[in-house]
Amino acid sequence: MAQVLVSEFYHTGMKKPKRRYAIKGGLIPPFTLVIDHDRYVMPGWYKLSKDEDMPNIEDIAYYPYKPKKANIPNIDSDTIYKVKSSRGDKEYEVQMDNSGSLQCTCPGYTFRRRCRHIEEVSTR
């Protein structure tokens, strides 16, 4: 959800403060909107007061939403990795599914959806 940030400052001799606007977050660039004589800075629905000047679009700072990068291990999606059990008597298979997450054939993964075999493959 986008937020409208407002900052005010005075210079010597000014009767009213100068306002600056910034849009933080959201995917839509800033714009202004007039509905029934009410003026808004969008997105964020910031309502301007009657004595406030309509800002120029170029003067509104825009900081769009940036998604975090996924922490996907650098492994081959077609490869099946064989990892020995902690006792060393069995081997379990770890591979990537269609969604990009790792799966293991061990009983621990079946119950908890995580295991040391996946951690071992993803840290290679």
PDB file of N, CA and C in Angstrom:
ATOM      1  N   MET A   1       0.835  -1.168   0.000  1.00  0.00           N
ATOM      2  CA  MET A   1       0.000   0.000   0.000  1.00  0.00           C
ATOM      3  C   MET A   1       0.887   1.240   0.000  1.00  0.00           C
ATOM      4  N   ALA A   2       0.541   2.190  -0.821  1.00  0.00           N
ATOM      5  CA  ALA A   2       1.334   3.404  -0.960  1.00  0.00           C
ATOM      6  C   ALA A   2       1.046   4.379   0.180  1.00  0.00           C
ATOM      7  N   GLN A   3       2.073   5.100   0.589  1.00  0.00           N
ATOM      8  CA  GLN A   3       1.941   6.139   1.605  1.00  0.00           C
ATOM      9  C   GLN A   3       2.359   7.465   1.000  1.00  0.00           C
ATOM     10  N   VAL A   4       1.647   8.527   1.379  1.00  0.00           N
ATOM     11  CA  VAL A   4       2.038   9.862   0.979  1.00  0.00           C
ATOM     12  C   VAL A   4       2.774  10.496   2.149  1.00  0.00           C
ATOM     13  N   LEU A   5       4.019  10.890   1.926  1.00  0.00           N
ATOM     14  CA  LEU A   5       4.825  11.541   2.957  1.00  0.00           C
ATOM     15  C   LEU A   5       4.872  13.032   2.651  1.00  0.00           C
ATOM     16  N   VAL A   6       4.657  13.848   3.671  1.00  0.00           N
ATOM     17  CA  VAL A   6       4.630  15.298   3.502  1.00  0.00           C
ATOM     18  C   VAL A   6       5.693  15.915   4.393  1.00  0.00           C
ATOM     19  N   SER A   7       6.481  16.832   3.831  1.00  0.00           N
ATOM     20  CA  SER A   7       7.446  17.575   4.637  1.00  0.00           C
ATOM     21  C   SER A   7       7.226  19.063   4.382  1.00  0.00           C
ATOM     22  N   GLU A   8       7.420  19.862   5.426  1.00  0.00           N
ATOM     23  CA  GLU A   8       7.247  21.303   5.320  1.00  0.00           C
ATOM     24  C   GLU A   8       8.532  22.000   5.749  1.00  0.00           C
ATOM     25  N   PHE A   9       8.788  23.159   5.137  1.00  0.00           N
ATOM     26  CA  PHE A   9       9.925  23.953   5.575  1.00  0.00           C
ATOM     27  C   PHE A   9       9.635  25.425   5.303  1.00  0.00           C
ATOM     28  N   TYR A  10      10.263  26.297   6.083  1.00  0.00           N
ATOM     29  CA  TYR A  10      10.143  27.741   5.952  1.00  0.00           C
ATOM     30  C   TYR A  10      11.481  28.327   5.514  1.00  0.00           C
ATOM     31  N   HIS A  11      11.411  29.403   4.748  1.00  0.00           N
ATOM     32  CA  HIS A  11      12.561  30.254   4.484  1.00  0.00           C
ATOM     33  C   HIS A  11      12.260  31.601   5.114  1.00  0.00           C
ATOM     34  N   THR A  12      13.265  32.377   5.352  1.00  0.00           N
ATOM     35  CA  THR A  12      13.069  33.697   5.938  1.00  0.00           C
ATOM     36  C   THR A  12      12.136  34.526   5.059  1.00  0.00           C
ATOM     37  N   GLY A  13      11.120  35.096   5.686  1.00  0.00           N
ATOM     38  CA  GLY A  13      10.186  35.953   4.972  1.00  0.00           C
ATOM     39  C   GLY A  13       8.980  35.232   4.392  1.00  0.00           C
ATOM     40  N   MET A  14       8.931  33.908   4.476  1.00  0.00           N
ATOM     41  CA  MET A  14       7.761  33.173   3.950  1.00  0.00           C
ATOM     42  C   MET A  14       6.600  33.272   4.927  1.00  0.00           C
ATOM     43  N   LYS A  15       5.390  33.450   4.398  1.00  0.00           N
ATOM     44  CA  LYS A  15       4.201  33.533   5.253  1.00  0.00           C
ATOM     45  C   LYS A  15       3.629  32.152   5.549  1.00  0.00           C
ATOM     46  N   LYS A  16       3.742  31.239   4.606  1.00  0.00           N
ATOM     47  CA  LYS A  16       3.289  29.870   4.859  1.00  0.00           C
ATOM     48  C   LYS A  16       4.378  28.897   4.404  1.00  0.00           C
ATOM     49  N   PRO A  17       4.403  27.723   4.991  1.00  0.00           N
ATOM     50  CA  PRO A  17       5.491  26.790   4.666  1.00  0.00           C
ATOM     51  C   PRO A  17       5.372  26.227   3.253  1.00  0.00           C
ATOM     52  N   LYS A  18       6.495  25.838   2.724  1.00  0.00           N
ATOM     53  CA  LYS A  18       6.525  25.150   1.432  1.00  0.00           C
ATOM     54  C   LYS A  18       6.416  23.662   1.724  1.00  0.00           C
ATOM     55  N   ARG A  19       5.570  22.992   0.982  1.00  0.00           N
ATOM     56  CA  ARG A  19       5.370  21.559   1.196  1.00  0.00           C
ATOM     57  C   ARG A  19       5.993  20.761   0.066  1.00  0.00           C
ATOM     58  N   ARG A  20       6.526  19.625   0.456  1.00  0.00           N
ATOM     59  CA  ARG A  20       7.033  18.645  -0.514  1.00  0.00           C
ATOM     60  C   ARG A  20       6.331  17.333  -0.245  1.00  0.00           C
ATOM     61  N   TYR A  21       6.088  16.587  -1.313  1.00  0.00           N
ATOM     62  CA  TYR A  21       5.370  15.321  -1.217  1.00  0.00           C
ATOM     63  C   TYR A  21       6.230  14.200  -1.766  1.00  0.00           C
ATOM     64  N   ALA A  22       6.036  13.023  -1.205  1.00  0.00           N
ATOM     65  CA  ALA A  22       6.719  11.822  -1.692  1.00  0.00           C
ATOM     66  C   ALA A  22       5.751  10.654  -1.578  1.00  0.00           C
ATOM     67  N   ILE A  23       5.795   9.775  -2.545  1.00  0.00           N
ATOM     68  CA  ILE A  23       5.002   8.547  -2.526  1.00  0.00           C
ATOM     69  C   ILE A  23       5.968   7.410  -2.237  1.00  0.00           C
ATOM     70  N   LYS A  24       5.704   6.673  -1.148  1.00  0.00           N
ATOM     71  CA  LYS A  24       6.562   5.551  -0.769  1.00  0.00           C
ATOM     72  C   LYS A  24       5.762   4.265  -0.900  1.00  0.00           C
ATOM     73  N   GLY A  25       6.303   3.310  -1.618  1.00  0.00           N
ATOM     74  CA  GLY A  25       5.627   2.034  -1.815  1.00  0.00           C
ATOM     75  C   GLY A  25       4.627   2.127  -2.955  1.00  0.00           C
ATOM     76  N   GLY A  26       3.915   1.057  -3.171  1.00  0.00           N
ATOM     77  CA  GLY A  26       2.938   1.031  -4.251  1.00  0.00           C
ATOM     78  C   GLY A  26       3.593   0.768  -5.594  1.00  0.00           C
ATOM     79  N   LEU A  27       2.759   0.530  -6.572  1.00  0.00           N
ATOM     80  CA  LEU A  27       3.240   0.213  -7.912  1.00  0.00           C
ATOM     81  C   LEU A  27       2.856   1.276  -8.932  1.00  0.00           C
ATOM     82  N   ILE A  28       1.989   2.224  -8.537  1.00  0.00           N
ATOM     83  CA  ILE A  28       1.489   3.239  -9.452  1.00  0.00           C
ATOM     84  C   ILE A  28       2.255   4.539  -9.219  1.00  0.00           C
ATOM     85  N   PRO A  29       2.759   5.186 -10.272  1.00  0.00           N
ATOM     86  CA  PRO A  29       3.446   6.469 -10.113  1.00  0.00           C
ATOM     87  C   PRO A  29       2.480   7.548  -9.608  1.00  0.00           C
ATOM     88  N   PRO A  30       3.005   8.640  -9.038  1.00  0.00           N
ATOM     89  CA  PRO A  30       2.134   9.660  -8.464  1.00  0.00           C
ATOM     90  C   PRO A  30       1.294  10.388  -9.511  1.00  0.00           C
ATOM     91  N   PHE A  31       0.109  10.820  -9.082  1.00  0.00           N
ATOM     92  CA  PHE A  31      -0.763  11.658  -9.891  1.00  0.00           C
ATOM     93  C   PHE A  31      -1.695  12.411  -8.948  1.00  0.00           C
ATOM     94  N   THR A  32      -2.388  13.417  -9.481  1.00  0.00           N
ATOM     95  CA  THR A  32      -3.348  14.178  -8.688  1.00  0.00           C
ATOM     96  C   THR A  32      -4.743  13.884  -9.207  1.00  0.00           C
ATOM     97  N   LEU A  33      -5.734  14.047  -8.323  1.00  0.00           N
ATOM     98  CA  LEU A  33      -7.104  13.691  -8.648  1.00  0.00           C
ATOM     99  C   LEU A  33      -8.036  14.719  -8.025  1.00  0.00           C
ATOM    100  N   VAL A  34      -9.065  15.124  -8.767  1.00  0.00           N
ATOM    101  CA  VAL A  34     -10.081  16.042  -8.254  1.00  0.00           C
ATOM    102  C   VAL A  34     -11.428  15.331  -8.313  1.00  0.00           C
ATOM    103  N   ILE A  35     -12.095  15.251  -7.146  1.00  0.00           N
ATOM    104  CA  ILE A  35     -13.434  14.647  -7.059  1.00  0.00           C
ATOM    105  C   ILE A  35     -14.320  15.606  -6.271  1.00  0.00           C
ATOM    106  N   ASP A  36     -15.358  16.141  -6.904  1.00  0.00           N
ATOM    107  CA  ASP A  36     -16.301  17.058  -6.251  1.00  0.00           C
ATOM    108  C   ASP A  36     -15.587  18.175  -5.494  1.00  0.00           C
ATOM    109  N   HIS A  37     -14.695  18.876  -6.132  1.00  0.00           N
ATOM    110  CA  HIS A  37     -13.938  20.004  -5.579  1.00  0.00           C
ATOM    111  C   HIS A  37     -12.950  19.593  -4.490  1.00  0.00           C
ATOM    112  N   ASP A  38     -12.789  18.329  -4.204  1.00  0.00           N
ATOM    113  CA  ASP A  38     -11.755  17.846  -3.282  1.00  0.00           C
ATOM    114  C   ASP A  38     -10.565  17.387  -4.116  1.00  0.00           C
ATOM    115  N   ARG A  39      -9.381  17.779  -3.691  1.00  0.00           N
ATOM    116  CA  ARG A  39      -8.157  17.459  -4.434  1.00  0.00           C
ATOM    117  C   ARG A  39      -7.326  16.469  -3.634  1.00  0.00           C
ATOM    118  N   TYR A  40      -6.751  15.489  -4.352  1.00  0.00           N
ATOM    119  CA  TYR A  40      -5.998  14.419  -3.710  1.00  0.00           C
ATOM    120  C   TYR A  40      -4.664  14.211  -4.420  1.00  0.00           C
ATOM    121  N   VAL A  41      -3.663  13.791  -3.630  1.00  0.00           N
ATOM    122  CA  VAL A  41      -2.409  13.281  -4.177  1.00  0.00           C
ATOM    123  C   VAL A  41      -2.532  11.765  -4.110  1.00  0.00           C
ATOM    124  N   MET A  42      -2.340  11.140  -5.257  1.00  0.00           N
ATOM    125  CA  MET A  42      -2.552   9.700  -5.365  1.00  0.00           C
ATOM    126  C   MET A  42      -1.261   9.001  -5.768  1.00  0.00           C
ATOM    127  N   PRO A  43      -1.087   7.707  -5.564  1.00  0.00           N
ATOM    128  CA  PRO A  43      -1.910   6.841  -4.731  1.00  0.00           C
ATOM    129  C   PRO A  43      -1.655   7.148  -3.262  1.00  0.00           C
ATOM    130  N   GLY A  44      -2.576   6.817  -2.428  1.00  0.00           N
ATOM    131  CA  GLY A  44      -2.465   7.079  -0.999  1.00  0.00           C
ATOM    132  C   GLY A  44      -3.591   7.945  -0.478  1.00  0.00           C
ATOM    133  N   TRP A  45      -4.364   8.559  -1.383  1.00  0.00           N
ATOM    134  CA  TRP A  45      -5.531   9.347  -1.009  1.00  0.00           C
ATOM    135  C   TRP A  45      -5.204  10.438   0.003  1.00  0.00           C
ATOM    136  N   TYR A  46      -4.144  11.220  -0.239  1.00  0.00           N
ATOM    137  CA  TYR A  46      -3.825  12.352   0.630  1.00  0.00           C
ATOM    138  C   TYR A  46      -4.661  13.542   0.167  1.00  0.00           C
ATOM    139  N   LYS A  47      -5.576  14.007   1.032  1.00  0.00           N
ATOM    140  CA  LYS A  47      -6.476  15.103   0.682  1.00  0.00           C
ATOM    141  C   LYS A  47      -5.777  16.439   0.950  1.00  0.00           C
ATOM    142  N   LEU A  48      -5.733  17.276  -0.084  1.00  0.00           N
ATOM    143  CA  LEU A  48      -5.138  18.605   0.040  1.00  0.00           C
ATOM    144  C   LEU A  48      -6.153  19.550   0.666  1.00  0.00           C
ATOM    145  N   SER A  49      -5.672  20.468   1.517  1.00  0.00           N
ATOM    146  CA  SER A  49      -6.575  21.452   2.105  1.00  0.00           C
ATOM    147  C   SER A  49      -6.926  22.510   1.055  1.00  0.00           C
ATOM    148  N   LYS A  50      -7.955  23.299   1.334  1.00  0.00           N
ATOM    149  CA  LYS A  50      -8.436  24.298   0.368  1.00  0.00           C
ATOM    150  C   LYS A  50      -7.386  25.361   0.060  1.00  0.00           C
ATOM    151  N   ASP A  51      -6.562  25.748   1.046  1.00  0.00           N
ATOM    152  CA  ASP A  51      -5.564  26.790   0.811  1.00  0.00           C
ATOM    153  C   ASP A  51      -4.234  26.239   0.282  1.00  0.00           C
ATOM    154  N   GLU A  52      -4.152  24.943   0.094  1.00  0.00           N
ATOM    155  CA  GLU A  52      -2.922  24.296  -0.374  1.00  0.00           C
ATOM    156  C   GLU A  52      -2.888  24.268  -1.903  1.00  0.00           C
ATOM    157  N   ASP A  53      -1.737  24.606  -2.473  1.00  0.00           N
ATOM    158  CA  ASP A  53      -1.586  24.588  -3.932  1.00  0.00           C
ATOM    159  C   ASP A  53      -1.483  23.157  -4.432  1.00  0.00           C
ATOM    160  N   MET A  54      -2.006  22.934  -5.638  1.00  0.00           N
ATOM    161  CA  MET A  54      -1.899  21.621  -6.278  1.00  0.00           C
ATOM    162  C   MET A  54      -0.446  21.429  -6.713  1.00  0.00           C
ATOM    163  N   PRO A  55       0.210  20.353  -6.255  1.00  0.00           N
ATOM    164  CA  PRO A  55       1.623  20.158  -6.615  1.00  0.00           C
ATOM    165  C   PRO A  55       1.777  19.697  -8.066  1.00  0.00           C
ATOM    166  N   ASN A  56       2.925  20.021  -8.645  1.00  0.00           N
ATOM    167  CA  ASN A  56       3.260  19.495  -9.969  1.00  0.00           C
ATOM    168  C   ASN A  56       3.666  18.036  -9.815  1.00  0.00           C
ATOM    169  N   ILE A  57       3.296  17.244 -10.773  1.00  0.00           N
ATOM    170  CA  ILE A  57       3.622  15.813 -10.725  1.00  0.00           C
ATOM    171  C   ILE A  57       5.133  15.607 -10.678  1.00  0.00           C
ATOM    172  N   GLU A  58       5.877  16.437 -11.395  1.00  0.00           N
ATOM    173  CA  GLU A  58       7.339  16.302 -11.436  1.00  0.00           C
ATOM    174  C   GLU A  58       7.980  16.585 -10.075  1.00  0.00           C
ATOM    175  N   ASP A  59       7.280  17.334  -9.219  1.00  0.00           N
ATOM    176  CA  ASP A  59       7.828  17.685  -7.907  1.00  0.00           C
ATOM    177  C   ASP A  59       7.548  16.635  -6.830  1.00  0.00           C
ATOM    178  N   ILE A  60       6.736  15.642  -7.146  1.00  0.00           N
ATOM    179  CA  ILE A  60       6.409  14.596  -6.170  1.00  0.00           C
ATOM    180  C   ILE A  60       7.441  13.478  -6.310  1.00  0.00           C
ATOM    181  N   ALA A  61       8.181  13.222  -5.240  1.00  0.00           N
ATOM    182  CA  ALA A  61       9.181  12.141  -5.262  1.00  0.00           C
ATOM    183  C   ALA A  61       8.459  10.798  -5.243  1.00  0.00           C
ATOM    184  N   TYR A  62       9.013   9.820  -5.928  1.00  0.00           N
ATOM    185  CA  TYR A  62       8.373   8.508  -6.026  1.00  0.00           C
ATOM    186  C   TYR A  62       9.384   7.426  -5.693  1.00  0.00           C
ATOM    187  N   TYR A  63       9.078   6.650  -4.659  1.00  0.00           N
ATOM    188  CA  TYR A  63       9.915   5.526  -4.232  1.00  0.00           C
ATOM    189  C   TYR A  63       9.078   4.251  -4.344  1.00  0.00           C
ATOM    190  N   PRO A  64       9.114   3.577  -5.514  1.00  0.00           N
ATOM    191  CA  PRO A  64       8.241   2.417  -5.724  1.00  0.00           C
ATOM    192  C   PRO A  64       8.613   1.226  -4.845  1.00  0.00           C
ATOM    193  N   TYR A  65       7.648   0.346  -4.690  1.00  0.00           N
ATOM    194  CA  TYR A  65       7.842  -0.897  -3.943  1.00  0.00           C
ATOM    195  C   TYR A  65       8.842  -1.763  -4.694  1.00  0.00           C
ATOM    196  N   LYS A  66       9.802  -2.313  -3.957  1.00  0.00           N
ATOM    197  CA  LYS A  66      10.776  -3.235  -4.541  1.00  0.00           C
ATOM    198  C   LYS A  66      10.697  -4.546  -3.765  1.00  0.00           C
ATOM    199  N   PRO A  67      10.301  -5.615  -4.427  1.00  0.00           N
ATOM    200  CA  PRO A  67      10.206  -6.896  -3.712  1.00  0.00           C
ATOM    201  C   PRO A  67      11.587  -7.410  -3.336  1.00  0.00           C
ATOM    202  N   LYS A  68      11.618  -8.140  -2.240  1.00  0.00           N
ATOM    203  CA  LYS A  68      12.876  -8.743  -1.812  1.00  0.00           C
ATOM    204  C   LYS A  68      13.216  -9.895  -2.742  1.00  0.00           C
ATOM    205  N   LYS A  69      14.492 -10.062  -2.988  1.00  0.00           N
ATOM    206  CA  LYS A  69      14.926 -11.160  -3.842  1.00  0.00           C
ATOM    207  C   LYS A  69      14.844 -12.462  -3.061  1.00  0.00           C
ATOM    208  N   ALA A  70      14.356 -13.482  -3.736  1.00  0.00           N
ATOM    209  CA  ALA A  70      14.226 -14.787  -3.096  1.00  0.00           C
ATOM    210  C   ALA A  70      15.604 -15.395  -2.861  1.00  0.00           C
ATOM    211  N   ASN A  71      15.737 -16.102  -1.763  1.00  0.00           N
ATOM    212  CA  ASN A  71      16.997 -16.745  -1.426  1.00  0.00           C
ATOM    213  C   ASN A  71      16.977 -18.170  -1.988  1.00  0.00           C
ATOM    214  N   ILE A  72      17.151 -18.260  -3.298  1.00  0.00           N
ATOM    215  CA  ILE A  72      17.108 -19.552  -3.975  1.00  0.00           C
ATOM    216  C   ILE A  72      18.533 -20.073  -4.107  1.00  0.00           C
ATOM    217  N   PRO A  73      18.773 -21.301  -3.658  1.00  0.00           N
ATOM    218  CA  PRO A  73      20.131 -21.839  -3.785  1.00  0.00           C
ATOM    219  C   PRO A  73      20.511 -22.032  -5.249  1.00  0.00           C
ATOM    220  N   ASN A  74      21.782 -21.931  -5.529  1.00  0.00           N
ATOM    221  CA  ASN A  74      22.283 -22.053  -6.890  1.00  0.00           C
ATOM    222  C   ASN A  74      22.528 -23.526  -7.210  1.00  0.00           C
ATOM    223  N   ILE A  75      21.432 -24.256  -7.444  1.00  0.00           N
ATOM    224  CA  ILE A  75      21.553 -25.671  -7.789  1.00  0.00           C
ATOM    225  C   ILE A  75      20.789 -25.929  -9.075  1.00  0.00           C
ATOM    226  N   ASP A  76      21.125 -27.010  -9.721  1.00  0.00           N
ATOM    227  CA  ASP A  76      20.482 -27.385 -10.976  1.00  0.00           C
ATOM    228  C   ASP A  76      19.123 -28.003 -10.681  1.00  0.00           C
ATOM    229  N   SER A  77      18.085 -27.547 -11.386  1.00  0.00           N
ATOM    230  CA  SER A  77      16.727 -28.034 -11.103  1.00  0.00           C
ATOM    231  C   SER A  77      16.484 -29.449 -11.622  1.00  0.00           C
ATOM    232  N   ASP A  78      17.290 -29.923 -12.566  1.00  0.00           N
ATOM    233  CA  ASP A  78      17.079 -31.263 -13.121  1.00  0.00           C
ATOM    234  C   ASP A  78      17.899 -32.341 -12.418  1.00  0.00           C
ATOM    235  N   THR A  79      18.783 -31.951 -11.530  1.00  0.00           N
ATOM    236  CA  THR A  79      19.670 -32.904 -10.864  1.00  0.00           C
ATOM    237  C   THR A  79      19.034 -33.451  -9.597  1.00  0.00           C
ATOM    238  N   ILE A  80      19.228 -34.742  -9.381  1.00  0.00           N
ATOM    239  CA  ILE A  80      18.802 -35.385  -8.135  1.00  0.00           C
ATOM    240  C   ILE A  80      20.069 -35.602  -7.308  1.00  0.00           C
ATOM    241  N   TYR A  81      20.088 -35.010  -6.123  1.00  0.00           N
ATOM    242  CA  TYR A  81      21.250 -35.109  -5.240  1.00  0.00           C
ATOM    243  C   TYR A  81      21.023 -36.236  -4.242  1.00  0.00           C
ATOM    244  N   LYS A  82      22.014 -37.086  -4.081  1.00  0.00           N
ATOM    245  CA  LYS A  82      21.932 -38.188  -3.121  1.00  0.00           C
ATOM    246  C   LYS A  82      22.754 -37.812  -1.903  1.00  0.00           C
ATOM    247  N   VAL A  83      22.091 -37.870  -0.727  1.00  0.00           N
ATOM    248  CA  VAL A  83      22.736 -37.481   0.522  1.00  0.00           C
ATOM    249  C   VAL A  83      22.607 -38.634   1.499  1.00  0.00           C
ATOM    250  N   LYS A  84      23.728 -39.008   2.150  1.00  0.00           N
ATOM    251  CA  LYS A  84      23.706 -40.118   3.104  1.00  0.00           C
ATOM    252  C   LYS A  84      22.987 -39.716   4.381  1.00  0.00           C
ATOM    253  N   SER A  85      22.381 -40.701   5.014  1.00  0.00           N
ATOM    254  CA  SER A  85      21.721 -40.471   6.296  1.00  0.00           C
ATOM    255  C   SER A  85      22.780 -40.241   7.369  1.00  0.00           C
ATOM    256  N   SER A  86      22.339 -39.811   8.546  1.00  0.00           N
ATOM    257  CA  SER A  86      23.297 -39.534   9.620  1.00  0.00           C
ATOM    258  C   SER A  86      24.016 -40.804  10.071  1.00  0.00           C
ATOM    259  N   ARG A  87      23.369 -41.944   9.983  1.00  0.00           N
ATOM    260  CA  ARG A  87      24.021 -43.212  10.325  1.00  0.00           C
ATOM    261  C   ARG A  87      24.918 -43.713   9.206  1.00  0.00           C
ATOM    262  N   GLY A  88      24.642 -43.286   7.983  1.00  0.00           N
ATOM    263  CA  GLY A  88      25.445 -43.702   6.845  1.00  0.00           C
ATOM    264  C   GLY A  88      24.969 -44.975   6.183  1.00  0.00           C
ATOM    265  N   ASP A  89      23.830 -45.519   6.623  1.00  0.00           N
ATOM    266  CA  ASP A  89      23.342 -46.774   6.050  1.00  0.00           C
ATOM    267  C   ASP A  89      22.313 -46.557   4.932  1.00  0.00           C
ATOM    268  N   LYS A  90      21.790 -45.342   4.764  1.00  0.00           N
ATOM    269  CA  LYS A  90      20.786 -45.057   3.732  1.00  0.00           C
ATOM    270  C   LYS A  90      21.185 -43.819   2.963  1.00  0.00           C
ATOM    271  N   GLU A  91      20.604 -43.695   1.755  1.00  0.00           N
ATOM    272  CA  GLU A  91      20.773 -42.499   0.955  1.00  0.00           C
ATOM    273  C   GLU A  91      19.404 -41.916   0.664  1.00  0.00           C
ATOM    274  N   TYR A  92      19.278 -40.605   0.794  1.00  0.00           N
ATOM    275  CA  TYR A  92      18.020 -39.916   0.491  1.00  0.00           C
ATOM    276  C   TYR A  92      18.242 -39.018  -0.717  1.00  0.00           C
ATOM    277  N   GLU A  93      17.166 -38.808  -1.478  1.00  0.00           N
ATOM    278  CA  GLU A  93      17.250 -37.998  -2.695  1.00  0.00           C
ATOM    279  C   GLU A  93      16.647 -36.619  -2.440  1.00  0.00           C
ATOM    280  N   VAL A  94      17.406 -35.613  -2.832  1.00  0.00           N
ATOM    281  CA  VAL A  94      16.951 -34.220  -2.723  1.00  0.00           C
ATOM    282  C   VAL A  94      16.897 -33.658  -4.133  1.00  0.00           C
ATOM    283  N   GLN A  95      15.754 -33.050  -4.480  1.00  0.00           N
ATOM    284  CA  GLN A  95      15.633 -32.417  -5.788  1.00  0.00           C
ATOM    285  C   GLN A  95      14.675 -31.235  -5.717  1.00  0.00           C
ATOM    286  N   MET A  96      14.737 -30.391  -6.731  1.00  0.00           N
ATOM    287  CA  MET A  96      13.906 -29.198  -6.781  1.00  0.00           C
ATOM    288  C   MET A  96      12.592 -29.525  -7.479  1.00  0.00           C
ATOM    289  N   ASP A  97      11.465 -29.022  -6.900  1.00  0.00           N
ATOM    290  CA  ASP A  97      10.174 -29.239  -7.544  1.00  0.00           C
ATOM    291  C   ASP A  97       9.866 -28.087  -8.512  1.00  0.00           C
ATOM    292  N   ASN A  98       8.672 -28.076  -9.099  1.00  0.00           N
ATOM    293  CA  ASN A  98       8.304 -27.070 -10.101  1.00  0.00           C
ATOM    294  C   ASN A  98       8.260 -25.652  -9.537  1.00  0.00           C
ATOM    295  N   SER A  99       7.987 -25.504  -8.251  1.00  0.00           N
ATOM    296  CA  SER A  99       7.899 -24.165  -7.658  1.00  0.00           C
ATOM    297  C   SER A  99       9.262 -23.612  -7.250  1.00  0.00           C
ATOM    298  N   GLY A 100      10.309 -24.405  -7.344  1.00  0.00           N
ATOM    299  CA  GLY A 100      11.648 -23.944  -7.001  1.00  0.00           C
ATOM    300  C   GLY A 100      12.077 -24.286  -5.591  1.00  0.00           C
ATOM    301  N   SER A 101      11.249 -25.000  -4.836  1.00  0.00           N
ATOM    302  CA  SER A 101      11.646 -25.401  -3.489  1.00  0.00           C
ATOM    303  C   SER A 101      12.218 -26.820  -3.519  1.00  0.00           C
ATOM    304  N   LEU A 102      13.038 -27.113  -2.527  1.00  0.00           N
ATOM    305  CA  LEU A 102      13.692 -28.418  -2.468  1.00  0.00           C
ATOM    306  C   LEU A 102      12.840 -29.412  -1.690  1.00  0.00           C
ATOM    307  N   GLN A 103      12.867 -30.656  -2.141  1.00  0.00           N
ATOM    308  CA  GLN A 103      12.156 -31.746  -1.474  1.00  0.00           C
ATOM    309  C   GLN A 103      13.126 -32.883  -1.216  1.00  0.00           C
ATOM    310  N   CYS A 104      12.835 -33.635  -0.129  1.00  0.00           N
ATOM    311  CA  CYS A 104      13.692 -34.757   0.243  1.00  0.00           C
ATOM    312  C   CYS A 104      12.819 -35.989   0.469  1.00  0.00           C
ATOM    313  N   THR A 105      13.426 -37.162   0.296  1.00  0.00           N
ATOM    314  CA  THR A 105      12.683 -38.413   0.478  1.00  0.00           C
ATOM    315  C   THR A 105      12.804 -38.964   1.891  1.00  0.00           C
ATOM    316  N   CYS A 106      13.457 -38.242   2.796  1.00  0.00           N
ATOM    317  CA  CYS A 106      13.638 -38.758   4.155  1.00  0.00           C
ATOM    318  C   CYS A 106      12.363 -38.599   4.985  1.00  0.00           C
ATOM    319  N   PRO A 107      12.213 -39.412   6.052  1.00  0.00           N
ATOM    320  CA  PRO A 107      11.019 -39.314   6.900  1.00  0.00           C
ATOM    321  C   PRO A 107      10.908 -37.965   7.617  1.00  0.00           C
ATOM    322  N   GLY A 108      12.025 -37.346   7.945  1.00  0.00           N
ATOM    323  CA  GLY A 108      11.981 -36.047   8.622  1.00  0.00           C
ATOM    324  C   GLY A 108      11.324 -34.982   7.766  1.00  0.00           C
ATOM    325  N   TYR A 109      11.623 -34.980   6.468  1.00  0.00           N
ATOM    326  CA  TYR A 109      11.012 -34.008   5.570  1.00  0.00           C
ATOM    327  C   TYR A 109       9.518 -34.279   5.437  1.00  0.00           C
ATOM    328  N   THR A 110       9.132 -35.548   5.460  1.00  0.00           N
ATOM    329  CA  THR A 110       7.720 -35.896   5.343  1.00  0.00           C
ATOM    330  C   THR A 110       6.908 -35.297   6.483  1.00  0.00           C
ATOM    331  N   PHE A 111       7.458 -35.276   7.699  1.00  0.00           N
ATOM    332  CA  PHE A 111       6.726 -34.761   8.862  1.00  0.00           C
ATOM    333  C   PHE A 111       6.913 -33.258   9.072  1.00  0.00           C
ATOM    334  N   ARG A 112       8.148 -32.759   8.886  1.00  0.00           N
ATOM    335  CA  ARG A 112       8.445 -31.368   9.255  1.00  0.00           C
ATOM    336  C   ARG A 112       8.613 -30.414   8.078  1.00  0.00           C
ATOM    337  N   ARG A 113       8.716 -30.918   6.869  1.00  0.00           N
ATOM    338  CA  ARG A 113       8.963 -30.132   5.666  1.00  0.00           C
ATOM    339  C   ARG A 113      10.318 -29.415   5.676  1.00  0.00           C
ATOM    340  N   ARG A 114      11.256 -29.972   6.415  1.00  0.00           N
ATOM    341  CA  ARG A 114      12.638 -29.498   6.413  1.00  0.00           C
ATOM    342  C   ARG A 114      13.511 -30.620   6.944  1.00  0.00           C
ATOM    343  N   CYS A 115      14.778 -30.596   6.552  1.00  0.00           N
ATOM    344  CA  CYS A 115      15.706 -31.614   7.037  1.00  0.00           C
ATOM    345  C   CYS A 115      17.130 -31.158   6.777  1.00  0.00           C
ATOM    346  N   ARG A 116      18.077 -31.872   7.362  1.00  0.00           N
ATOM    347  CA  ARG A 116      19.480 -31.505   7.213  1.00  0.00           C
ATOM    348  C   ARG A 116      19.988 -31.828   5.808  1.00  0.00           C
ATOM    349  N   HIS A 117      19.345 -32.753   5.113  1.00  0.00           N
ATOM    350  CA  HIS A 117      19.778 -33.137   3.762  1.00  0.00           C
ATOM    351  C   HIS A 117      19.570 -31.960   2.796  1.00  0.00           C
ATOM    352  N   ILE A 118      18.458 -31.250   2.935  1.00  0.00           N
ATOM    353  CA  ILE A 118      18.195 -30.072   2.105  1.00  0.00           C
ATOM    354  C   ILE A 118      19.200 -28.970   2.432  1.00  0.00           C
ATOM    355  N   GLU A 119      19.475 -28.777   3.717  1.00  0.00           N
ATOM    356  CA  GLU A 119      20.456 -27.760   4.105  1.00  0.00           C
ATOM    357  C   GLU A 119      21.829 -28.093   3.540  1.00  0.00           C
ATOM    358  N   GLU A 120      22.172 -29.375   3.528  1.00  0.00           N
ATOM    359  CA  GLU A 120      23.471 -29.781   2.998  1.00  0.00           C
ATOM    360  C   GLU A 120      23.576 -29.515   1.507  1.00  0.00           C
ATOM    361  N   VAL A 121      22.511 -29.774   0.756  1.00  0.00           N
ATOM    362  CA  VAL A 121      22.522 -29.531  -0.689  1.00  0.00           C
ATOM    363  C   VAL A 121      22.525 -28.034  -0.988  1.00  0.00           C
ATOM    364  N   SER A 122      21.764 -27.260  -0.234  1.00  0.00           N
ATOM    365  CA  SER A 122      21.656 -25.813  -0.535  1.00  0.00           C
ATOM    366  C   SER A 122      22.915 -25.049  -0.148  1.00  0.00           C
ATOM    367  N   THR A 123      23.767 -25.591   0.700  1.00  0.00           N
ATOM    368  CA  THR A 123      25.010 -24.909   1.076  1.00  0.00           C
ATOM    369  C   THR A 123      26.189 -25.337   0.220  1.00  0.00           C
ATOM    370  N   ARG A 124      25.974 -26.198  -0.728  1.00  0.00           N
ATOM    371  CA  ARG A 124      27.072 -26.647  -1.610  1.00  0.00           C
ATOM    372  C   ARG A 124      27.530 -25.547  -2.514  1.00  0.00           C
TER     373      ARG A 124
END
